[in-house]
Structure formats: C-alpha cells, structure tokens
Amino acid sequence: MLHPPFPIPDIPASNSDLADLFPEFVRSWIDEITAFVLSDAQRGNREELYRLGHTIKGSFMQFGLDAHALIGIQLMTFADRNDWPSALAYLDALLQMLRSLQVQLDLPHL
C-alpha cells in the first residue's frame, strides 16, 4: 500500500496510446480532487469520498498506474471508517504528486 508522500509515476512514453491522453488525465484529476476538497469534504460527504476513491482506482488503473490506484482503495476504506483526517492527507499528497506531473508535462496551471 502506498503512503504519502506518493512517488511520481513515469510519464507514458511518447509512442504509447496513453501519451496523448495523459496531460488531460493529470489536469482533470487536479480539478476533480480540488473541487472535492472544497465542497464534499467540507460537508463530510462519505458517499462522495467513497465514489471518488472508486473512480480514482479505476481511472488510475486504466493508465497503468496500478500502485497509485491503491490510493483509491484506501480512500474507500477511509470513507467506510469516516476517517476524514486520513482521507484529506491522502488527497493532499495525491494533489502534490499530480502537480509535480503537471510541472513535468509543462502544463499551464489553471
């Protein structure tokens, strides 16, 4: 199981099918997690935390980031336990990792 801080995964090779989609993947997850922290986390919405964890698990697996998909599974566990301090620590670490990827990919900061 991964624990914060999360390692920065390798960027897909430029000749892979995922290379063109990866920048949007990074951007959309930064937006999704930021929006969650600013809304659902503030309300203590456990169902949305579970949904977010489940979506992270599947989405990250599609990009071959199986180790990072475990973060989603852990978030689902935190939702079941109503463990918001741990969930927010994981989400913060995940955002830091994604922002590092954003810099590596030279994506604009929105």
PDB file of N, CA and C in Angstrom:
ATOM      1  N   MET A   1       0.846  -1.176   0.000  1.00  0.00           N
ATOM      2  CA  MET A   1       0.000   0.000   0.000  1.00  0.00           C
ATOM      3  C   MET A   1       0.894   1.244   0.000  1.00  0.00           C
ATOM      4  N   LEU A   2       0.534   2.198  -0.829  1.00  0.00           N
ATOM      5  CA  LEU A   2       1.273   3.454  -0.867  1.00  0.00           C
ATOM      6  C   LEU A   2       0.861   4.342   0.305  1.00  0.00           C
ATOM      7  N   HIS A   3       1.809   5.083   0.812  1.00  0.00           N
ATOM      8  CA  HIS A   3       1.543   6.046   1.872  1.00  0.00           C
ATOM      9  C   HIS A   3       2.137   7.386   1.446  1.00  0.00           C
ATOM     10  N   PRO A   4       1.493   8.492   1.855  1.00  0.00           N
ATOM     11  CA  PRO A   4       2.034   9.802   1.497  1.00  0.00           C
ATOM     12  C   PRO A   4       3.451   9.969   2.020  1.00  0.00           C
ATOM     13  N   PRO A   5       4.280  10.735   1.347  1.00  0.00           N
ATOM     14  CA  PRO A   5       4.056  11.312   0.014  1.00  0.00           C
ATOM     15  C   PRO A   5       4.134  10.231  -1.051  1.00  0.00           C
ATOM     16  N   PHE A   6       3.358  10.412  -2.097  1.00  0.00           N
ATOM     17  CA  PHE A   6       3.290   9.404  -3.143  1.00  0.00           C
ATOM     18  C   PHE A   6       4.385   9.630  -4.179  1.00  0.00           C
ATOM     19  N   PRO A   7       4.989   8.545  -4.647  1.00  0.00           N
ATOM     20  CA  PRO A   7       6.022   8.693  -5.683  1.00  0.00           C
ATOM     21  C   PRO A   7       5.401   9.187  -6.987  1.00  0.00           C
ATOM     22  N   ILE A   8       6.186   9.925  -7.723  1.00  0.00           N
ATOM     23  CA  ILE A   8       5.722  10.428  -9.017  1.00  0.00           C
ATOM     24  C   ILE A   8       5.894   9.311 -10.043  1.00  0.00           C
ATOM     25  N   PRO A   9       4.802   8.914 -10.692  1.00  0.00           N
ATOM     26  CA  PRO A   9       4.906   7.821 -11.666  1.00  0.00           C
ATOM     27  C   PRO A   9       5.596   8.285 -12.940  1.00  0.00           C
ATOM     28  N   ASP A  10       6.041   7.327 -13.709  1.00  0.00           N
ATOM     29  CA  ASP A  10       6.627   7.643 -15.007  1.00  0.00           C
ATOM     30  C   ASP A  10       5.543   8.150 -15.950  1.00  0.00           C
ATOM     31  N   ILE A  11       5.913   9.119 -16.754  1.00  0.00           N
ATOM     32  CA  ILE A  11       5.015   9.628 -17.789  1.00  0.00           C
ATOM     33  C   ILE A  11       5.014   8.611 -18.922  1.00  0.00           C
ATOM     34  N   PRO A  12       3.837   8.286 -19.473  1.00  0.00           N
ATOM     35  CA  PRO A  12       3.810   7.316 -20.572  1.00  0.00           C
ATOM     36  C   PRO A  12       4.729   7.736 -21.718  1.00  0.00           C
ATOM     37  N   ALA A  13       5.391   6.759 -22.324  1.00  0.00           N
ATOM     38  CA  ALA A  13       6.284   7.024 -23.454  1.00  0.00           C
ATOM     39  C   ALA A  13       5.508   7.706 -24.572  1.00  0.00           C
ATOM     40  N   SER A  14       6.186   8.586 -25.282  1.00  0.00           N
ATOM     41  CA  SER A  14       5.516   9.375 -26.322  1.00  0.00           C
ATOM     42  C   SER A  14       4.913   8.519 -27.427  1.00  0.00           C
ATOM     43  N   ASN A  15       5.379   7.303 -27.591  1.00  0.00           N
ATOM     44  CA  ASN A  15       4.825   6.443 -28.636  1.00  0.00           C
ATOM     45  C   ASN A  15       3.693   5.548 -28.126  1.00  0.00           C
ATOM     46  N   SER A  16       3.290   5.717 -26.862  1.00  0.00           N
ATOM     47  CA  SER A  16       2.210   4.886 -26.318  1.00  0.00           C
ATOM     48  C   SER A  16       0.852   5.508 -26.641  1.00  0.00           C
ATOM     49  N   ASP A  17      -0.161   4.675 -26.599  1.00  0.00           N
ATOM     50  CA  ASP A  17      -1.522   5.148 -26.853  1.00  0.00           C
ATOM     51  C   ASP A  17      -1.993   6.126 -25.784  1.00  0.00           C
ATOM     52  N   LEU A  18      -1.426   6.030 -24.603  1.00  0.00           N
ATOM     53  CA  LEU A  18      -1.866   6.867 -23.493  1.00  0.00           C
ATOM     54  C   LEU A  18      -1.172   8.223 -23.432  1.00  0.00           C
ATOM     55  N   ALA A  19      -0.086   8.380 -24.163  1.00  0.00           N
ATOM     56  CA  ALA A  19       0.711   9.609 -24.064  1.00  0.00           C
ATOM     57  C   ALA A  19      -0.105  10.856 -24.379  1.00  0.00           C
ATOM     58  N   ASP A  20      -0.936  10.802 -25.396  1.00  0.00           N
ATOM     59  CA  ASP A  20      -1.723  11.977 -25.773  1.00  0.00           C
ATOM     60  C   ASP A  20      -2.812  12.299 -24.758  1.00  0.00           C
ATOM     61  N   LEU A  21      -3.283  11.285 -24.063  1.00  0.00           N
ATOM     62  CA  LEU A  21      -4.365  11.468 -23.099  1.00  0.00           C
ATOM     63  C   LEU A  21      -3.869  11.831 -21.704  1.00  0.00           C
ATOM     64  N   PHE A  22      -2.602  11.570 -21.442  1.00  0.00           N
ATOM     65  CA  PHE A  22      -2.074  11.727 -20.086  1.00  0.00           C
ATOM     66  C   PHE A  22      -2.149  13.162 -19.563  1.00  0.00           C
ATOM     67  N   PRO A  23      -1.819  14.187 -20.360  1.00  0.00           N
ATOM     68  CA  PRO A  23      -1.929  15.556 -19.836  1.00  0.00           C
ATOM     69  C   PRO A  23      -3.351  15.894 -19.376  1.00  0.00           C
ATOM     70  N   GLU A  24      -4.346  15.476 -20.144  1.00  0.00           N
ATOM     71  CA  GLU A  24      -5.730  15.745 -19.752  1.00  0.00           C
ATOM     72  C   GLU A  24      -6.102  14.952 -18.498  1.00  0.00           C
ATOM     73  N   PHE A  25      -5.584  13.738 -18.385  1.00  0.00           N
ATOM     74  CA  PHE A  25      -5.787  12.925 -17.191  1.00  0.00           C
ATOM     75  C   PHE A  25      -5.285  13.682 -15.962  1.00  0.00           C
ATOM     76  N   VAL A  26      -4.085  14.218 -16.047  1.00  0.00           N
ATOM     77  CA  VAL A  26      -3.493  14.949 -14.917  1.00  0.00           C
ATOM     78  C   VAL A  26      -4.318  16.194 -14.606  1.00  0.00           C
ATOM     79  N   ARG A  27      -4.640  16.982 -15.629  1.00  0.00           N
ATOM     80  CA  ARG A  27      -5.419  18.211 -15.424  1.00  0.00           C
ATOM     81  C   ARG A  27      -6.783  17.909 -14.803  1.00  0.00           C
ATOM     82  N   SER A  28      -7.459  16.911 -15.332  1.00  0.00           N
ATOM     83  CA  SER A  28      -8.809  16.639 -14.844  1.00  0.00           C
ATOM     84  C   SER A  28      -8.803  16.138 -13.403  1.00  0.00           C
ATOM     85  N   TRP A  29      -7.771  15.353 -13.021  1.00  0.00           N
ATOM     86  CA  TRP A  29      -7.719  14.881 -11.645  1.00  0.00           C
ATOM     87  C   TRP A  29      -7.351  15.994 -10.675  1.00  0.00           C
ATOM     88  N   ILE A  30      -6.531  16.924 -11.088  1.00  0.00           N
ATOM     89  CA  ILE A  30      -6.254  18.085 -10.228  1.00  0.00           C
ATOM     90  C   ILE A  30      -7.555  18.837  -9.975  1.00  0.00           C
ATOM     91  N   ASP A  31      -8.320  19.068 -11.042  1.00  0.00           N
ATOM     92  CA  ASP A  31      -9.595  19.779 -10.913  1.00  0.00           C
ATOM     93  C   ASP A  31     -10.584  19.001 -10.047  1.00  0.00           C
ATOM     94  N   GLU A  32     -10.700  17.700 -10.297  1.00  0.00           N
ATOM     95  CA  GLU A  32     -11.666  16.861  -9.585  1.00  0.00           C
ATOM     96  C   GLU A  32     -11.367  16.814  -8.081  1.00  0.00           C
ATOM     97  N   ILE A  33     -10.121  16.601  -7.735  1.00  0.00           N
ATOM     98  CA  ILE A  33      -9.763  16.488  -6.323  1.00  0.00           C
ATOM     99  C   ILE A  33      -9.893  17.845  -5.627  1.00  0.00           C
ATOM    100  N   THR A  34      -9.472  18.898  -6.301  1.00  0.00           N
ATOM    101  CA  THR A  34      -9.603  20.238  -5.724  1.00  0.00           C
ATOM    102  C   THR A  34     -11.070  20.572  -5.458  1.00  0.00           C
ATOM    103  N   ALA A  35     -11.932  20.291  -6.427  1.00  0.00           N
ATOM    104  CA  ALA A  35     -13.366  20.558  -6.255  1.00  0.00           C
ATOM    105  C   ALA A  35     -13.935  19.731  -5.107  1.00  0.00           C
ATOM    106  N   PHE A  36     -13.516  18.489  -4.997  1.00  0.00           N
ATOM    107  CA  PHE A  36     -13.998  17.639  -3.913  1.00  0.00           C
ATOM    108  C   PHE A  36     -13.607  18.203  -2.559  1.00  0.00           C
ATOM    109  N   VAL A  37     -12.355  18.580  -2.423  1.00  0.00           N
ATOM    110  CA  VAL A  37     -11.856  19.094  -1.140  1.00  0.00           C
ATOM    111  C   VAL A  37     -12.595  20.377  -0.765  1.00  0.00           C
ATOM    112  N   LEU A  38     -12.921  21.190  -1.758  1.00  0.00           N
ATOM    113  CA  LEU A  38     -13.589  22.461  -1.480  1.00  0.00           C
ATOM    114  C   LEU A  38     -15.085  22.319  -1.233  1.00  0.00           C
ATOM    115  N   SER A  39     -15.671  21.169  -1.596  1.00  0.00           N
ATOM    116  CA  SER A  39     -17.121  21.039  -1.426  1.00  0.00           C
ATOM    117  C   SER A  39     -17.490  19.828  -0.573  1.00  0.00           C
ATOM    118  N   ASP A  40     -17.384  18.650  -1.133  1.00  0.00           N
ATOM    119  CA  ASP A  40     -17.870  17.450  -0.450  1.00  0.00           C
ATOM    120  C   ASP A  40     -17.107  17.157   0.835  1.00  0.00           C
ATOM    121  N   ALA A  41     -15.814  17.387   0.838  1.00  0.00           N
ATOM    122  CA  ALA A  41     -15.045  17.131   2.054  1.00  0.00           C
ATOM    123  C   ALA A  41     -15.463  18.096   3.160  1.00  0.00           C
ATOM    124  N   GLN A  42     -15.768  19.321   2.789  1.00  0.00           N
ATOM    125  CA  GLN A  42     -16.194  20.308   3.778  1.00  0.00           C
ATOM    126  C   GLN A  42     -17.510  19.905   4.437  1.00  0.00           C
ATOM    127  N   ARG A  43     -18.346  19.190   3.683  1.00  0.00           N
ATOM    128  CA  ARG A  43     -19.643  18.740   4.208  1.00  0.00           C
ATOM    129  C   ARG A  43     -19.556  17.352   4.838  1.00  0.00           C
ATOM    130  N   GLY A  44     -18.381  16.714   4.776  1.00  0.00           N
ATOM    131  CA  GLY A  44     -18.247  15.378   5.343  1.00  0.00           C
ATOM    132  C   GLY A  44     -19.048  14.333   4.592  1.00  0.00           C
ATOM    133  N   ASN A  45     -19.121  14.486   3.277  1.00  0.00           N
ATOM    134  CA  ASN A  45     -19.925  13.598   2.439  1.00  0.00           C
ATOM    135  C   ASN A  45     -19.184  12.283   2.199  1.00  0.00           C
ATOM    136  N   ARG A  46     -19.462  11.298   3.024  1.00  0.00           N
ATOM    137  CA  ARG A  46     -18.782   9.995   2.945  1.00  0.00           C
ATOM    138  C   ARG A  46     -19.078   9.270   1.641  1.00  0.00           C
ATOM    139  N   GLU A  47     -20.302   9.371   1.146  1.00  0.00           N
ATOM    140  CA  GLU A  47     -20.658   8.687  -0.095  1.00  0.00           C
ATOM    141  C   GLU A  47     -19.833   9.223  -1.271  1.00  0.00           C
ATOM    142  N   GLU A  48     -19.634  10.532  -1.284  1.00  0.00           N
ATOM    143  CA  GLU A  48     -18.836  11.130  -2.361  1.00  0.00           C
ATOM    144  C   GLU A  48     -17.365  10.783  -2.209  1.00  0.00           C
ATOM    145  N   LEU A  49     -16.882  10.663  -0.991  1.00  0.00           N
ATOM    146  CA  LEU A  49     -15.499  10.225  -0.781  1.00  0.00           C
ATOM    147  C   LEU A  49     -15.328   8.801  -1.302  1.00  0.00           C
ATOM    148  N   TYR A  50     -16.280   7.946  -1.010  1.00  0.00           N
ATOM    149  CA  TYR A  50     -16.217   6.563  -1.492  1.00  0.00           C
ATOM    150  C   TYR A  50     -16.242   6.543  -3.024  1.00  0.00           C
ATOM    151  N   ARG A  51     -17.147   7.335  -3.621  1.00  0.00           N
ATOM    152  CA  ARG A  51     -17.251   7.400  -5.081  1.00  0.00           C
ATOM    153  C   ARG A  51     -15.949   7.902  -5.684  1.00  0.00           C
ATOM    154  N   LEU A  52     -15.372   8.935  -5.085  1.00  0.00           N
ATOM    155  CA  LEU A  52     -14.107   9.478  -5.575  1.00  0.00           C
ATOM    156  C   LEU A  52     -13.019   8.414  -5.515  1.00  0.00           C
ATOM    157  N   GLY A  53     -12.930   7.712  -4.393  1.00  0.00           N
ATOM    158  CA  GLY A  53     -11.932   6.650  -4.272  1.00  0.00           C
ATOM    159  C   GLY A  53     -12.114   5.574  -5.321  1.00  0.00           C
ATOM    160  N   HIS A  54     -13.353   5.169  -5.549  1.00  0.00           N
ATOM    161  CA  HIS A  54     -13.651   4.139  -6.551  1.00  0.00           C
ATOM    162  C   HIS A  54     -13.264   4.615  -7.950  1.00  0.00           C
ATOM    163  N   THR A  55     -13.548   5.865  -8.249  1.00  0.00           N
ATOM    164  CA  THR A  55     -13.226   6.420  -9.568  1.00  0.00           C
ATOM    165  C   THR A  55     -11.719   6.558  -9.747  1.00  0.00           C
ATOM    166  N   ILE A  56     -11.016   6.973  -8.702  1.00  0.00           N
ATOM    167  CA  ILE A  56      -9.552   7.055  -8.760  1.00  0.00           C
ATOM    168  C   ILE A  56      -8.980   5.676  -9.054  1.00  0.00           C
ATOM    169  N   LYS A  57      -9.464   4.673  -8.345  1.00  0.00           N
ATOM    170  CA  LYS A  57      -8.981   3.305  -8.539  1.00  0.00           C
ATOM    171  C   LYS A  57      -9.087   2.909 -10.006  1.00  0.00           C
ATOM    172  N   GLY A  58     -10.249   3.045 -10.584  1.00  0.00           N
ATOM    173  CA  GLY A  58     -10.452   2.635 -11.973  1.00  0.00           C
ATOM    174  C   GLY A  58      -9.699   3.488 -12.972  1.00  0.00           C
ATOM    175  N   SER A  59      -9.723   4.788 -12.778  1.00  0.00           N
ATOM    176  CA  SER A  59      -9.082   5.707 -13.709  1.00  0.00           C
ATOM    177  C   SER A  59      -7.565   5.523 -13.739  1.00  0.00           C
ATOM    178  N   PHE A  60      -6.981   5.400 -12.560  1.00  0.00           N
ATOM    179  CA  PHE A  60      -5.534   5.239 -12.493  1.00  0.00           C
ATOM    180  C   PHE A  60      -5.109   3.883 -13.063  1.00  0.00           C
ATOM    181  N   MET A  61      -5.933   2.858 -12.861  1.00  0.00           N
ATOM    182  CA  MET A  61      -5.609   1.547 -13.430  1.00  0.00           C
ATOM    183  C   MET A  61      -5.627   1.593 -14.954  1.00  0.00           C
ATOM    184  N   GLN A  62      -6.556   2.356 -15.538  1.00  0.00           N
ATOM    185  CA  GLN A  62      -6.624   2.476 -16.994  1.00  0.00           C
ATOM    186  C   GLN A  62      -5.339   3.058 -17.564  1.00  0.00           C
ATOM    187  N   PHE A  63      -4.649   3.870 -16.800  1.00  0.00           N
ATOM    188  CA  PHE A  63      -3.395   4.462 -17.257  1.00  0.00           C
ATOM    189  C   PHE A  63      -2.180   3.653 -16.824  1.00  0.00           C
ATOM    190  N   GLY A  64      -2.429   2.469 -16.306  1.00  0.00           N
ATOM    191  CA  GLY A  64      -1.320   1.602 -15.911  1.00  0.00           C
ATOM    192  C   GLY A  64      -0.663   2.011 -14.606  1.00  0.00           C
ATOM    193  N   LEU A  65      -1.328   2.860 -13.845  1.00  0.00           N
ATOM    194  CA  LEU A  65      -0.789   3.338 -12.568  1.00  0.00           C
ATOM    195  C   LEU A  65      -1.388   2.497 -11.446  1.00  0.00           C
ATOM    196  N   ASP A  66      -1.141   1.199 -11.523  1.00  0.00           N
ATOM    197  CA  ASP A  66      -1.764   0.261 -10.589  1.00  0.00           C
ATOM    198  C   ASP A  66      -1.406   0.545  -9.141  1.00  0.00           C
ATOM    199  N   ALA A  67      -0.161   0.890  -8.874  1.00  0.00           N
ATOM    200  CA  ALA A  67       0.238   1.191  -7.494  1.00  0.00           C
ATOM    201  C   ALA A  67      -0.527   2.410  -6.984  1.00  0.00           C
ATOM    202  N   HIS A  68      -0.709   3.413  -7.836  1.00  0.00           N
ATOM    203  CA  HIS A  68      -1.423   4.613  -7.433  1.00  0.00           C
ATOM    204  C   HIS A  68      -2.929   4.373  -7.349  1.00  0.00           C
ATOM    205  N   ALA A  69      -3.429   3.367  -8.045  1.00  0.00           N
ATOM    206  CA  ALA A  69      -4.844   3.012  -7.938  1.00  0.00           C
ATOM    207  C   ALA A  69      -5.186   2.563  -6.516  1.00  0.00           C
ATOM    208  N   LEU A  70      -4.188   2.064  -5.810  1.00  0.00           N
ATOM    209  CA  LEU A  70      -4.404   1.651  -4.421  1.00  0.00           C
ATOM    210  C   LEU A  70      -4.800   2.828  -3.527  1.00  0.00           C
ATOM    211  N   ILE A  71      -4.444   4.034  -3.945  1.00  0.00           N
ATOM    212  CA  ILE A  71      -4.849   5.227  -3.203  1.00  0.00           C
ATOM    213  C   ILE A  71      -6.375   5.293  -3.178  1.00  0.00           C
ATOM    214  N   GLY A  72      -6.986   4.988  -4.307  1.00  0.00           N
ATOM    215  CA  GLY A  72      -8.446   4.988  -4.369  1.00  0.00           C
ATOM    216  C   GLY A  72      -9.048   3.974  -3.422  1.00  0.00           C
ATOM    217  N   ILE A  73      -8.459   2.800  -3.373  1.00  0.00           N
ATOM    218  CA  ILE A  73      -8.955   1.769  -2.461  1.00  0.00           C
ATOM    219  C   ILE A  73      -8.831   2.240  -1.017  1.00  0.00           C
ATOM    220  N   GLN A  74      -7.729   2.889  -0.705  1.00  0.00           N
ATOM    221  CA  GLN A  74      -7.543   3.400   0.654  1.00  0.00           C
ATOM    222  C   GLN A  74      -8.562   4.484   0.963  1.00  0.00           C
ATOM    223  N   LEU A  75      -8.864   5.353  -0.003  1.00  0.00           N
ATOM    224  CA  LEU A  75      -9.873   6.391   0.214  1.00  0.00           C
ATOM    225  C   LEU A  75     -11.242   5.769   0.479  1.00  0.00           C
ATOM    226  N   MET A  76     -11.561   4.673  -0.205  1.00  0.00           N
ATOM    227  CA  MET A  76     -12.821   3.976   0.032  1.00  0.00           C
ATOM    228  C   MET A  76     -12.869   3.453   1.473  1.00  0.00           C
ATOM    229  N   THR A  77     -11.744   2.953   1.954  1.00  0.00           N
ATOM    230  CA  THR A  77     -11.663   2.475   3.338  1.00  0.00           C
ATOM    231  C   THR A  77     -11.847   3.634   4.310  1.00  0.00           C
ATOM    232  N   PHE A  78     -11.215   4.765   4.018  1.00  0.00           N
ATOM    233  CA  PHE A  78     -11.377   5.939   4.877  1.00  0.00           C
ATOM    234  C   PHE A  78     -12.842   6.386   4.915  1.00  0.00           C
ATOM    235  N   ALA A  79     -13.531   6.298   3.764  1.00  0.00           N
ATOM    236  CA  ALA A  79     -14.952   6.663   3.722  1.00  0.00           C
ATOM    237  C   ALA A  79     -15.758   5.729   4.626  1.00  0.00           C
ATOM    238  N   ASP A  80     -15.488   4.439   4.529  1.00  0.00           N
ATOM    239  CA  ASP A  80     -16.193   3.473   5.378  1.00  0.00           C
ATOM    240  C   ASP A  80     -15.969   3.750   6.855  1.00  0.00           C
ATOM    241  N   ARG A  81     -14.773   4.195   7.204  1.00  0.00           N
ATOM    242  CA  ARG A  81     -14.419   4.464   8.607  1.00  0.00           C
ATOM    243  C   ARG A  81     -14.751   5.886   9.053  1.00  0.00           C
ATOM    244  N   ASN A  82     -15.193   6.717   8.095  1.00  0.00           N
ATOM    245  CA  ASN A  82     -15.442   8.135   8.357  1.00  0.00           C
ATOM    246  C   ASN A  82     -14.169   8.808   8.884  1.00  0.00           C
ATOM    247  N   ASP A  83     -13.043   8.439   8.297  1.00  0.00           N
ATOM    248  CA  ASP A  83     -11.724   8.936   8.714  1.00  0.00           C
ATOM    249  C   ASP A  83     -11.300  10.087   7.797  1.00  0.00           C
ATOM    250  N   TRP A  84     -11.829  11.270   8.082  1.00  0.00           N
ATOM    251  CA  TRP A  84     -11.548  12.434   7.240  1.00  0.00           C
ATOM    252  C   TRP A  84     -10.121  12.945   7.349  1.00  0.00           C
ATOM    253  N   PRO A  85      -9.501  12.952   8.525  1.00  0.00           N
ATOM    254  CA  PRO A  85      -8.111  13.425   8.568  1.00  0.00           C
ATOM    255  C   PRO A  85      -7.191  12.608   7.652  1.00  0.00           C
ATOM    256  N   SER A  86      -7.342  11.294   7.671  1.00  0.00           N
ATOM    257  CA  SER A  86      -6.507  10.457   6.794  1.00  0.00           C
ATOM    258  C   SER A  86      -6.863  10.673   5.337  1.00  0.00           C
ATOM    259  N   ALA A  87      -8.155  10.759   5.034  1.00  0.00           N
ATOM    260  CA  ALA A  87      -8.583  10.966   3.647  1.00  0.00           C
ATOM    261  C   ALA A  87      -8.021  12.271   3.099  1.00  0.00           C
ATOM    262  N   LEU A  88      -8.109  13.328   3.883  1.00  0.00           N
ATOM    263  CA  LEU A  88      -7.604  14.621   3.417  1.00  0.00           C
ATOM    264  C   LEU A  88      -6.089  14.620   3.268  1.00  0.00           C
ATOM    265  N   ALA A  89      -5.387  13.899   4.121  1.00  0.00           N
ATOM    266  CA  ALA A  89      -3.931  13.794   3.984  1.00  0.00           C
ATOM    267  C   ALA A  89      -3.581  13.065   2.685  1.00  0.00           C
ATOM    268  N   TYR A  90      -4.313  11.998   2.373  1.00  0.00           N
ATOM    269  CA  TYR A  90      -4.063  11.268   1.124  1.00  0.00           C
ATOM    270  C   TYR A  90      -4.402  12.128  -0.087  1.00  0.00           C
ATOM    271  N   LEU A  91      -5.519  12.848  -0.030  1.00  0.00           N
ATOM    272  CA  LEU A  91      -5.898  13.698  -1.156  1.00  0.00           C
ATOM    273  C   LEU A  91      -4.883  14.816  -1.357  1.00  0.00           C
ATOM    274  N   ASP A  92      -4.380  15.391  -0.277  1.00  0.00           N
ATOM    275  CA  ASP A  92      -3.360  16.433  -0.393  1.00  0.00           C
ATOM    276  C   ASP A  92      -2.092  15.867  -1.031  1.00  0.00           C
ATOM    277  N   ALA A  93      -1.674  14.694  -0.593  1.00  0.00           N
ATOM    278  CA  ALA A  93      -0.472  14.075  -1.166  1.00  0.00           C
ATOM    279  C   ALA A  93      -0.688  13.717  -2.632  1.00  0.00           C
ATOM    280  N   LEU A  94      -1.886  13.269  -2.973  1.00  0.00           N
ATOM    281  CA  LEU A  94      -2.190  12.944  -4.365  1.00  0.00           C
ATOM    282  C   LEU A  94      -2.155  14.206  -5.221  1.00  0.00           C
ATOM    283  N   LEU A  95      -2.703  15.303  -4.706  1.00  0.00           N
ATOM    284  CA  LEU A  95      -2.633  16.577  -5.431  1.00  0.00           C
ATOM    285  C   LEU A  95      -1.190  17.023  -5.628  1.00  0.00           C
ATOM    286  N   GLN A  96      -0.360  16.871  -4.616  1.00  0.00           N
ATOM    287  CA  GLN A  96       1.051  17.246  -4.756  1.00  0.00           C
ATOM    288  C   GLN A  96       1.721  16.420  -5.856  1.00  0.00           C
ATOM    289  N   MET A  97       1.435  15.134  -5.884  1.00  0.00           N
ATOM    290  CA  MET A  97       2.020  14.275  -6.916  1.00  0.00           C
ATOM    291  C   MET A  97       1.534  14.690  -8.299  1.00  0.00           C
ATOM    292  N   LEU A  98       0.243  14.968  -8.433  1.00  0.00           N
ATOM    293  CA  LEU A  98      -0.311  15.374  -9.734  1.00  0.00           C
ATOM    294  C   LEU A  98       0.244  16.733 -10.166  1.00  0.00           C
ATOM    295  N   ARG A  99       0.431  17.639  -9.228  1.00  0.00           N
ATOM    296  CA  ARG A  99       1.008  18.949  -9.576  1.00  0.00           C
ATOM    297  C   ARG A  99       2.466  18.806 -10.007  1.00  0.00           C
ATOM    298  N   SER A 100       3.183  17.851  -9.441  1.00  0.00           N
ATOM    299  CA  SER A 100       4.545  17.584  -9.909  1.00  0.00           C
ATOM    300  C   SER A 100       4.525  17.074 -11.337  1.00  0.00           C
ATOM    301  N   LEU A 101       3.570  16.211 -11.641  1.00  0.00           N
ATOM    302  CA  LEU A 101       3.418  15.739 -13.023  1.00  0.00           C
ATOM    303  C   LEU A 101       3.049  16.900 -13.947  1.00  0.00           C
ATOM    304  N   GLN A 102       2.212  17.795 -13.461  1.00  0.00           N
ATOM    305  CA  GLN A 102       1.812  18.958 -14.246  1.00  0.00           C
ATOM    306  C   GLN A 102       3.040  19.778 -14.640  1.00  0.00           C
ATOM    307  N   VAL A 103       3.955  19.948 -13.714  1.00  0.00           N
ATOM    308  CA  VAL A 103       5.188  20.688 -13.996  1.00  0.00           C
ATOM    309  C   VAL A 103       6.045  19.916 -14.999  1.00  0.00           C
ATOM    310  N   GLN A 104       6.198  18.614 -14.797  1.00  0.00           N
ATOM    311  CA  GLN A 104       6.998  17.801 -15.715  1.00  0.00           C
ATOM    312  C   GLN A 104       6.435  17.831 -17.129  1.00  0.00           C
ATOM    313  N   LEU A 105       5.112  17.852 -17.232  1.00  0.00           N
ATOM    314  CA  LEU A 105       4.468  17.870 -18.542  1.00  0.00           C
ATOM    315  C   LEU A 105       4.394  19.287 -19.124  1.00  0.00           C
ATOM    316  N   ASP A 106       4.816  20.275 -18.330  1.00  0.00           N
ATOM    317  CA  ASP A 106       4.795  21.686 -18.743  1.00  0.00           C
ATOM    318  C   ASP A 106       3.364  22.110 -19.091  1.00  0.00           C
ATOM    319  N   LEU A 107       2.423  21.722 -18.228  1.00  0.00           N
ATOM    320  CA  LEU A 107       1.018  22.097 -18.424  1.00  0.00           C
ATOM    321  C   LEU A 107       0.760  23.415 -17.725  1.00  0.00           C
ATOM    322  N   PRO A 108      -0.115  24.240 -18.306  1.00  0.00           N
ATOM    323  CA  PRO A 108      -0.432  25.503 -17.628  1.00  0.00           C
ATOM    324  C   PRO A 108      -1.171  25.238 -16.326  1.00  0.00           C
ATOM    325  N   HIS A 109      -0.920  26.074 -15.334  1.00  0.00           N
ATOM    326  CA  HIS A 109      -1.613  25.987 -14.058  1.00  0.00           C
ATOM    327  C   HIS A 109      -2.886  26.797 -14.175  1.00  0.00           C
ATOM    328  N   LEU A 110      -4.003  26.154 -13.901  1.00  0.00           N
ATOM    329  CA  LEU A 110      -5.295  26.860 -14.018  1.00  0.00           C
ATOM    330  C   LEU A 110      -5.723  27.412 -12.691  1.00  0.00           C
TER     331      LEU A 110
END
